[in-house]
Amino acid sequence: MEVKINRDIRTYTENIFFGLTMRQFIFSILACLIAIFIYFIFKNKLGTEITSWLCIIGVLPFAALGFVKYNGMNAETIFIAIIKSKVLTPKVLVNNPNNYYYELLKEKYRNIEKEGFLNDENTKKSIFARKRRF
């Protein structure tokens, strides 16, 4: 006798009806009811082809809610995360790095130069050429 055990317990889902989870089964039933409702309302008014397209479009949200899963999140959690990140807290991130060590050195050598210790041009060039390495 063999018992199948998932390697990762967090990915285990219990199949209730027809190999579907309870969530998938409920949303499948809702999708079927919506498709039947749309079909009987628009069949005589719009014709069979357009009504079938309306049924497909009407069923898509329920199919997404029942079957879509991304990074362990259900469809409604994904929609909430998108709304929070794009609408409620939009940010423009600007990267302005500051090299505080270089600024301190520059200020230090400016003070030394004012006092007259750095009059040689080669010394100035070598000190401020280090700026590129920081």
N, C-alpha and C. Protein backbone atom coordinates (compact mmCIF):
# COMPACT_ATOMS: atom_id res chain seq x y z
N MET A 1 0.84 -1.18 0.00
CA MET A 1 0.00 0.00 0.00
C MET A 1 0.89 1.23 0.00
N GLU A 2 0.57 2.20 -0.87
CA GLU A 2 1.35 3.42 -0.99
C GLU A 2 0.46 4.62 -0.67
N VAL A 3 1.03 5.54 0.09
CA VAL A 3 0.33 6.77 0.40
C VAL A 3 1.15 7.92 -0.17
N LYS A 4 0.52 8.74 -1.03
CA LYS A 4 1.23 9.87 -1.62
C LYS A 4 1.23 11.03 -0.63
N ILE A 5 2.41 11.57 -0.41
CA ILE A 5 2.57 12.72 0.48
C ILE A 5 3.28 13.82 -0.30
N ASN A 6 2.73 15.03 -0.24
CA ASN A 6 3.37 16.16 -0.91
C ASN A 6 4.69 16.48 -0.22
N ARG A 7 5.64 16.91 -1.03
CA ARG A 7 6.94 17.29 -0.46
C ARG A 7 6.81 18.56 0.38
N ASP A 8 6.00 19.49 -0.07
CA ASP A 8 5.80 20.72 0.68
C ASP A 8 4.36 20.75 1.16
N ILE A 9 4.17 20.74 2.46
CA ILE A 9 2.83 20.66 3.04
C ILE A 9 2.00 21.91 2.73
N ARG A 10 2.66 23.04 2.47
CA ARG A 10 1.92 24.28 2.20
C ARG A 10 1.24 24.27 0.86
N THR A 11 1.69 23.43 -0.07
CA THR A 11 1.08 23.38 -1.40
C THR A 11 -0.06 22.37 -1.47
N TYR A 12 -0.36 21.71 -0.39
CA TYR A 12 -1.43 20.70 -0.39
C TYR A 12 -2.78 21.37 -0.50
N THR A 13 -3.60 20.87 -1.41
CA THR A 13 -4.99 21.32 -1.51
C THR A 13 -5.88 20.10 -1.53
N GLU A 14 -6.97 20.19 -0.82
CA GLU A 14 -7.89 19.07 -0.73
C GLU A 14 -8.90 19.18 -1.85
N ASN A 15 -9.04 18.11 -2.64
CA ASN A 15 -9.99 18.09 -3.74
C ASN A 15 -11.34 17.64 -3.20
N ILE A 16 -12.37 18.44 -3.48
CA ILE A 16 -13.70 18.15 -2.96
C ILE A 16 -14.56 17.49 -4.04
N PHE A 17 -14.82 18.21 -5.14
CA PHE A 17 -15.69 17.73 -6.20
C PHE A 17 -14.94 17.75 -7.53
N PHE A 18 -14.97 16.64 -8.23
CA PHE A 18 -14.42 16.52 -9.59
C PHE A 18 -12.96 16.97 -9.68
N GLY A 19 -12.18 16.79 -8.65
CA GLY A 19 -10.79 17.19 -8.66
C GLY A 19 -10.58 18.68 -8.44
N LEU A 20 -11.63 19.39 -8.07
CA LEU A 20 -11.55 20.83 -7.80
C LEU A 20 -11.56 21.07 -6.30
N THR A 21 -10.94 22.16 -5.90
CA THR A 21 -11.04 22.55 -4.50
C THR A 21 -12.42 23.16 -4.28
N MET A 22 -12.76 23.40 -3.03
CA MET A 22 -14.08 23.98 -2.72
C MET A 22 -14.22 25.36 -3.35
N ARG A 23 -13.18 26.15 -3.28
CA ARG A 23 -13.20 27.49 -3.88
C ARG A 23 -13.43 27.42 -5.39
N GLN A 24 -12.69 26.56 -6.08
CA GLN A 24 -12.83 26.42 -7.51
C GLN A 24 -14.22 25.90 -7.88
N PHE A 25 -14.73 24.97 -7.09
CA PHE A 25 -16.05 24.41 -7.36
C PHE A 25 -17.15 25.46 -7.21
N ILE A 26 -17.09 26.26 -6.16
CA ILE A 26 -18.10 27.30 -5.93
C ILE A 26 -18.07 28.33 -7.06
N PHE A 27 -16.88 28.78 -7.45
CA PHE A 27 -16.79 29.76 -8.52
C PHE A 27 -17.15 29.16 -9.88
N SER A 28 -16.94 27.87 -10.07
CA SER A 28 -17.38 27.22 -11.30
C SER A 28 -18.90 27.19 -11.38
N ILE A 29 -19.56 26.85 -10.28
CA ILE A 29 -21.03 26.85 -10.24
C ILE A 29 -21.56 28.27 -10.50
N LEU A 30 -20.95 29.28 -9.86
CA LEU A 30 -21.37 30.66 -10.10
C LEU A 30 -21.18 31.06 -11.56
N ALA A 31 -20.07 30.65 -12.15
CA ALA A 31 -19.82 30.96 -13.56
C ALA A 31 -20.86 30.31 -14.46
N CYS A 32 -21.20 29.07 -14.18
CA CYS A 32 -22.23 28.40 -14.98
C CYS A 32 -23.58 29.08 -14.84
N LEU A 33 -23.94 29.47 -13.63
CA LEU A 33 -25.21 30.17 -13.41
C LEU A 33 -25.25 31.51 -14.14
N ILE A 34 -24.16 32.25 -14.12
CA ILE A 34 -24.08 33.53 -14.82
C ILE A 34 -24.18 33.31 -16.32
N ALA A 35 -23.50 32.29 -16.85
CA ALA A 35 -23.55 32.00 -18.29
C ALA A 35 -24.98 31.63 -18.71
N ILE A 36 -25.66 30.82 -17.92
CA ILE A 36 -27.04 30.44 -18.24
C ILE A 36 -27.95 31.66 -18.20
N PHE A 37 -27.77 32.51 -17.18
CA PHE A 37 -28.57 33.72 -17.03
C PHE A 37 -28.38 34.64 -18.25
N ILE A 38 -27.13 34.88 -18.63
CA ILE A 38 -26.84 35.75 -19.79
C ILE A 38 -27.39 35.13 -21.08
N TYR A 39 -27.26 33.82 -21.22
CA TYR A 39 -27.73 33.16 -22.44
C TYR A 39 -29.24 33.33 -22.62
N PHE A 40 -30.01 33.07 -21.57
CA PHE A 40 -31.46 33.14 -21.71
C PHE A 40 -31.97 34.58 -21.83
N ILE A 41 -31.24 35.54 -21.34
CA ILE A 41 -31.68 36.94 -21.48
C ILE A 41 -31.40 37.46 -22.89
N PHE A 42 -30.21 37.17 -23.43
CA PHE A 42 -29.81 37.80 -24.70
C PHE A 42 -29.94 36.90 -25.93
N LYS A 43 -30.39 35.65 -25.80
CA LYS A 43 -30.45 34.73 -26.94
C LYS A 43 -31.37 35.24 -28.05
N ASN A 44 -32.55 35.68 -27.71
CA ASN A 44 -33.51 36.12 -28.73
C ASN A 44 -33.21 37.54 -29.21
N LYS A 45 -32.56 38.34 -28.40
CA LYS A 45 -32.33 39.75 -28.75
C LYS A 45 -31.10 39.94 -29.63
N LEU A 46 -30.02 39.22 -29.33
CA LEU A 46 -28.75 39.46 -30.02
C LEU A 46 -28.30 38.32 -30.94
N GLY A 47 -28.88 37.18 -30.84
CA GLY A 47 -28.45 36.05 -31.65
C GLY A 47 -27.49 35.16 -30.84
N THR A 48 -27.23 33.99 -31.39
CA THR A 48 -26.45 32.98 -30.66
C THR A 48 -24.97 33.34 -30.56
N GLU A 49 -24.39 33.85 -31.64
CA GLU A 49 -22.94 34.12 -31.64
C GLU A 49 -22.57 35.23 -30.66
N ILE A 50 -23.26 36.34 -30.71
CA ILE A 50 -22.95 37.46 -29.81
C ILE A 50 -23.27 37.08 -28.37
N THR A 51 -24.34 36.31 -28.18
CA THR A 51 -24.69 35.86 -26.83
C THR A 51 -23.61 34.95 -26.26
N SER A 52 -23.04 34.09 -27.09
CA SER A 52 -21.97 33.22 -26.59
C SER A 52 -20.75 34.02 -26.18
N TRP A 53 -20.42 35.08 -26.94
CA TRP A 53 -19.30 35.94 -26.54
C TRP A 53 -19.60 36.68 -25.24
N LEU A 54 -20.84 37.12 -25.08
CA LEU A 54 -21.23 37.78 -23.83
C LEU A 54 -21.14 36.81 -22.65
N CYS A 55 -21.49 35.55 -22.89
CA CYS A 55 -21.38 34.54 -21.82
C CYS A 55 -19.92 34.35 -21.41
N ILE A 56 -19.04 34.29 -22.40
CA ILE A 56 -17.61 34.13 -22.09
C ILE A 56 -17.09 35.32 -21.30
N ILE A 57 -17.46 36.53 -21.74
CA ILE A 57 -17.00 37.73 -21.03
C ILE A 57 -17.59 37.80 -19.63
N GLY A 58 -18.84 37.38 -19.47
CA GLY A 58 -19.48 37.39 -18.15
C GLY A 58 -18.90 36.37 -17.19
N VAL A 59 -18.38 35.27 -17.72
CA VAL A 59 -17.84 34.20 -16.88
C VAL A 59 -16.39 34.46 -16.48
N LEU A 60 -15.64 35.24 -17.25
CA LEU A 60 -14.21 35.47 -16.99
C LEU A 60 -13.89 35.94 -15.56
N PRO A 61 -14.61 36.91 -14.99
CA PRO A 61 -14.26 37.32 -13.62
C PRO A 61 -14.39 36.19 -12.61
N PHE A 62 -15.42 35.36 -12.76
CA PHE A 62 -15.61 34.27 -11.81
C PHE A 62 -14.56 33.18 -12.00
N ALA A 63 -14.16 32.94 -13.24
CA ALA A 63 -13.09 31.98 -13.50
C ALA A 63 -11.78 32.48 -12.91
N ALA A 64 -11.53 33.77 -13.04
CA ALA A 64 -10.30 34.34 -12.49
C ALA A 64 -10.30 34.24 -10.97
N LEU A 65 -11.43 34.55 -10.36
CA LEU A 65 -11.50 34.48 -8.89
C LEU A 65 -11.32 33.06 -8.38
N GLY A 66 -11.78 32.09 -9.12
CA GLY A 66 -11.70 30.71 -8.65
C GLY A 66 -10.39 30.00 -8.97
N PHE A 67 -9.77 30.32 -10.09
CA PHE A 67 -8.66 29.49 -10.54
C PHE A 67 -7.30 30.18 -10.57
N VAL A 68 -7.24 31.51 -10.63
CA VAL A 68 -5.96 32.21 -10.75
C VAL A 68 -5.26 32.23 -9.39
N LYS A 69 -3.99 31.86 -9.42
CA LYS A 69 -3.17 31.91 -8.22
C LYS A 69 -1.77 32.33 -8.65
N TYR A 70 -1.22 33.36 -8.00
CA TYR A 70 0.10 33.87 -8.37
C TYR A 70 0.87 34.17 -7.09
N ASN A 71 2.04 33.57 -6.95
CA ASN A 71 2.87 33.73 -5.74
C ASN A 71 2.10 33.43 -4.46
N GLY A 72 1.24 32.43 -4.52
CA GLY A 72 0.48 32.03 -3.34
C GLY A 72 -0.69 32.95 -3.02
N MET A 73 -1.00 33.89 -3.90
CA MET A 73 -2.11 34.82 -3.66
C MET A 73 -3.26 34.47 -4.59
N ASN A 74 -4.48 34.59 -4.08
CA ASN A 74 -5.66 34.43 -4.92
C ASN A 74 -5.88 35.70 -5.72
N ALA A 75 -6.84 35.64 -6.65
CA ALA A 75 -7.07 36.76 -7.56
C ALA A 75 -7.43 38.04 -6.81
N GLU A 76 -8.32 37.95 -5.81
CA GLU A 76 -8.71 39.18 -5.11
C GLU A 76 -7.56 39.77 -4.31
N THR A 77 -6.67 38.94 -3.79
CA THR A 77 -5.49 39.45 -3.09
C THR A 77 -4.54 40.13 -4.06
N ILE A 78 -4.44 39.59 -5.27
CA ILE A 78 -3.60 40.22 -6.30
C ILE A 78 -4.16 41.59 -6.67
N PHE A 79 -5.49 41.68 -6.85
CA PHE A 79 -6.11 42.97 -7.19
C PHE A 79 -5.90 43.99 -6.09
N ILE A 80 -6.04 43.58 -4.85
CA ILE A 80 -5.82 44.49 -3.72
C ILE A 80 -4.38 44.96 -3.68
N ALA A 81 -3.44 44.05 -3.90
CA ALA A 81 -2.02 44.43 -3.91
C ALA A 81 -1.71 45.40 -5.04
N ILE A 82 -2.30 45.20 -6.20
CA ILE A 82 -2.08 46.11 -7.33
C ILE A 82 -2.65 47.49 -7.02
N ILE A 83 -3.85 47.53 -6.45
CA ILE A 83 -4.46 48.82 -6.11
C ILE A 83 -3.62 49.55 -5.07
N LYS A 84 -3.14 48.83 -4.07
CA LYS A 84 -2.32 49.47 -3.04
C LYS A 84 -1.02 50.00 -3.61
N SER A 85 -0.38 49.23 -4.47
CA SER A 85 0.94 49.65 -4.97
C SER A 85 0.86 50.70 -6.06
N LYS A 86 -0.16 50.65 -6.90
CA LYS A 86 -0.23 51.57 -8.03
C LYS A 86 -1.07 52.81 -7.76
N VAL A 87 -2.14 52.68 -6.98
CA VAL A 87 -3.07 53.79 -6.79
C VAL A 87 -2.87 54.49 -5.45
N LEU A 88 -2.86 53.71 -4.39
CA LEU A 88 -2.85 54.32 -3.06
C LEU A 88 -1.48 54.85 -2.64
N THR A 89 -0.43 54.17 -3.02
CA THR A 89 0.91 54.61 -2.63
C THR A 89 1.85 54.68 -3.83
N PRO A 90 1.54 55.52 -4.83
CA PRO A 90 2.48 55.63 -5.94
C PRO A 90 3.71 56.43 -5.51
N LYS A 91 4.85 55.95 -5.89
CA LYS A 91 6.10 56.61 -5.50
C LYS A 91 7.00 56.76 -6.72
N VAL A 92 7.75 57.84 -6.72
CA VAL A 92 8.83 57.99 -7.68
C VAL A 92 10.10 57.92 -6.87
N LEU A 93 10.85 56.88 -7.06
CA LEU A 93 12.08 56.69 -6.31
C LEU A 93 13.24 57.32 -7.07
N VAL A 94 13.93 58.24 -6.42
CA VAL A 94 15.06 58.93 -7.03
C VAL A 94 16.31 58.54 -6.27
N ASN A 95 17.32 58.15 -7.01
CA ASN A 95 18.57 57.75 -6.40
C ASN A 95 19.57 58.90 -6.52
N ASN A 96 19.84 59.57 -5.44
CA ASN A 96 20.85 60.62 -5.40
C ASN A 96 21.90 60.24 -4.35
N PRO A 97 22.89 59.47 -4.77
CA PRO A 97 23.88 59.05 -3.79
C PRO A 97 24.76 60.23 -3.35
N ASN A 98 25.08 60.26 -2.10
CA ASN A 98 25.96 61.28 -1.55
C ASN A 98 27.19 60.61 -0.96
N ASN A 99 28.34 61.12 -1.32
CA ASN A 99 29.57 60.62 -0.76
C ASN A 99 30.02 61.61 0.31
N TYR A 100 29.59 61.34 1.53
CA TYR A 100 29.88 62.26 2.62
C TYR A 100 31.37 62.30 2.94
N TYR A 101 32.06 61.20 2.75
CA TYR A 101 33.49 61.16 3.00
C TYR A 101 34.21 62.13 2.06
N TYR A 102 33.84 62.13 0.78
CA TYR A 102 34.45 63.04 -0.18
C TYR A 102 34.13 64.50 0.19
N GLU A 103 32.91 64.75 0.59
CA GLU A 103 32.53 66.12 0.96
C GLU A 103 33.35 66.61 2.15
N LEU A 104 33.57 65.74 3.13
CA LEU A 104 34.39 66.12 4.29
C LEU A 104 35.84 66.39 3.87
N LEU A 105 36.37 65.52 3.01
CA LEU A 105 37.75 65.73 2.55
C LEU A 105 37.86 67.02 1.75
N LYS A 106 36.89 67.28 0.90
CA LYS A 106 36.93 68.48 0.09
C LYS A 106 36.91 69.72 1.00
N GLU A 107 36.07 69.69 2.01
CA GLU A 107 36.00 70.82 2.94
C GLU A 107 37.30 70.96 3.73
N LYS A 108 37.87 69.82 4.12
CA LYS A 108 39.13 69.84 4.87
C LYS A 108 40.25 70.45 4.04
N TYR A 109 40.35 70.00 2.76
CA TYR A 109 41.43 70.51 1.92
C TYR A 109 41.18 71.95 1.48
N ARG A 110 39.95 72.36 1.41
CA ARG A 110 39.64 73.75 1.10
C ARG A 110 40.14 74.64 2.24
N ASN A 111 39.92 74.18 3.47
CA ASN A 111 40.41 74.95 4.62
C ASN A 111 41.93 75.00 4.66
N ILE A 112 42.56 73.87 4.32
CA ILE A 112 44.03 73.84 4.30
C ILE A 112 44.56 74.76 3.21
N GLU A 113 43.90 74.78 2.05
CA GLU A 113 44.34 75.62 0.94
C GLU A 113 44.22 77.11 1.29
N LYS A 114 43.16 77.45 2.04
CA LYS A 114 42.99 78.84 2.45
C LYS A 114 44.14 79.28 3.36
N GLU A 115 44.63 78.33 4.12
CA GLU A 115 45.72 78.66 5.03
C GLU A 115 47.07 78.73 4.31
N GLY A 116 47.13 78.27 3.05
CA GLY A 116 48.35 78.41 2.27
C GLY A 116 49.25 77.20 2.27
N PHE A 117 48.80 76.05 2.76
CA PHE A 117 49.65 74.86 2.78
C PHE A 117 49.72 74.17 1.42
N LEU A 118 48.69 74.32 0.61
CA LEU A 118 48.65 73.61 -0.67
C LEU A 118 48.76 74.62 -1.81
N ASN A 119 49.93 75.04 -2.11
CA ASN A 119 50.12 75.98 -3.20
C ASN A 119 50.62 75.28 -4.46
N ASP A 120 51.13 74.07 -4.33
CA ASP A 120 51.65 73.33 -5.46
C ASP A 120 50.49 72.74 -6.26
N GLU A 121 50.46 72.94 -7.60
CA GLU A 121 49.36 72.47 -8.44
C GLU A 121 49.31 70.95 -8.51
N ASN A 122 50.47 70.26 -8.51
CA ASN A 122 50.48 68.80 -8.57
C ASN A 122 49.84 68.19 -7.33
N THR A 123 50.04 68.79 -6.19
CA THR A 123 49.45 68.28 -4.96
C THR A 123 47.93 68.41 -5.01
N LYS A 124 47.43 69.53 -5.53
CA LYS A 124 45.98 69.72 -5.65
C LYS A 124 45.37 68.69 -6.59
N LYS A 125 46.03 68.46 -7.72
CA LYS A 125 45.50 67.52 -8.69
C LYS A 125 45.45 66.11 -8.12
N SER A 126 46.48 65.71 -7.40
CA SER A 126 46.50 64.35 -6.86
C SER A 126 45.45 64.16 -5.77
N ILE A 127 45.20 65.20 -5.00
CA ILE A 127 44.21 65.08 -3.93
C ILE A 127 42.81 65.00 -4.51
N PHE A 128 42.49 65.87 -5.45
CA PHE A 128 41.14 65.91 -5.98
C PHE A 128 40.92 64.89 -7.09
N ALA A 129 41.94 64.23 -7.57
CA ALA A 129 41.78 63.14 -8.52
C ALA A 129 41.24 61.91 -7.83
N ARG A 130 41.38 61.81 -6.52
CA ARG A 130 40.87 60.69 -5.75
C ARG A 130 39.34 60.67 -5.70
N LYS A 131 38.75 61.77 -6.07
CA LYS A 131 37.30 61.90 -6.07
C LYS A 131 36.66 60.77 -6.88
N ARG A 132 37.24 60.39 -7.99
CA ARG A 132 36.65 59.39 -8.87
C ARG A 132 36.62 58.01 -8.23
N ARG A 133 37.48 57.74 -7.31
CA ARG A 133 37.53 56.42 -6.69
C ARG A 133 36.50 56.25 -5.60
N PHE A 134 35.97 57.31 -5.05
CA PHE A 134 35.03 57.18 -3.92
C PHE A 134 33.68 56.83 -4.40
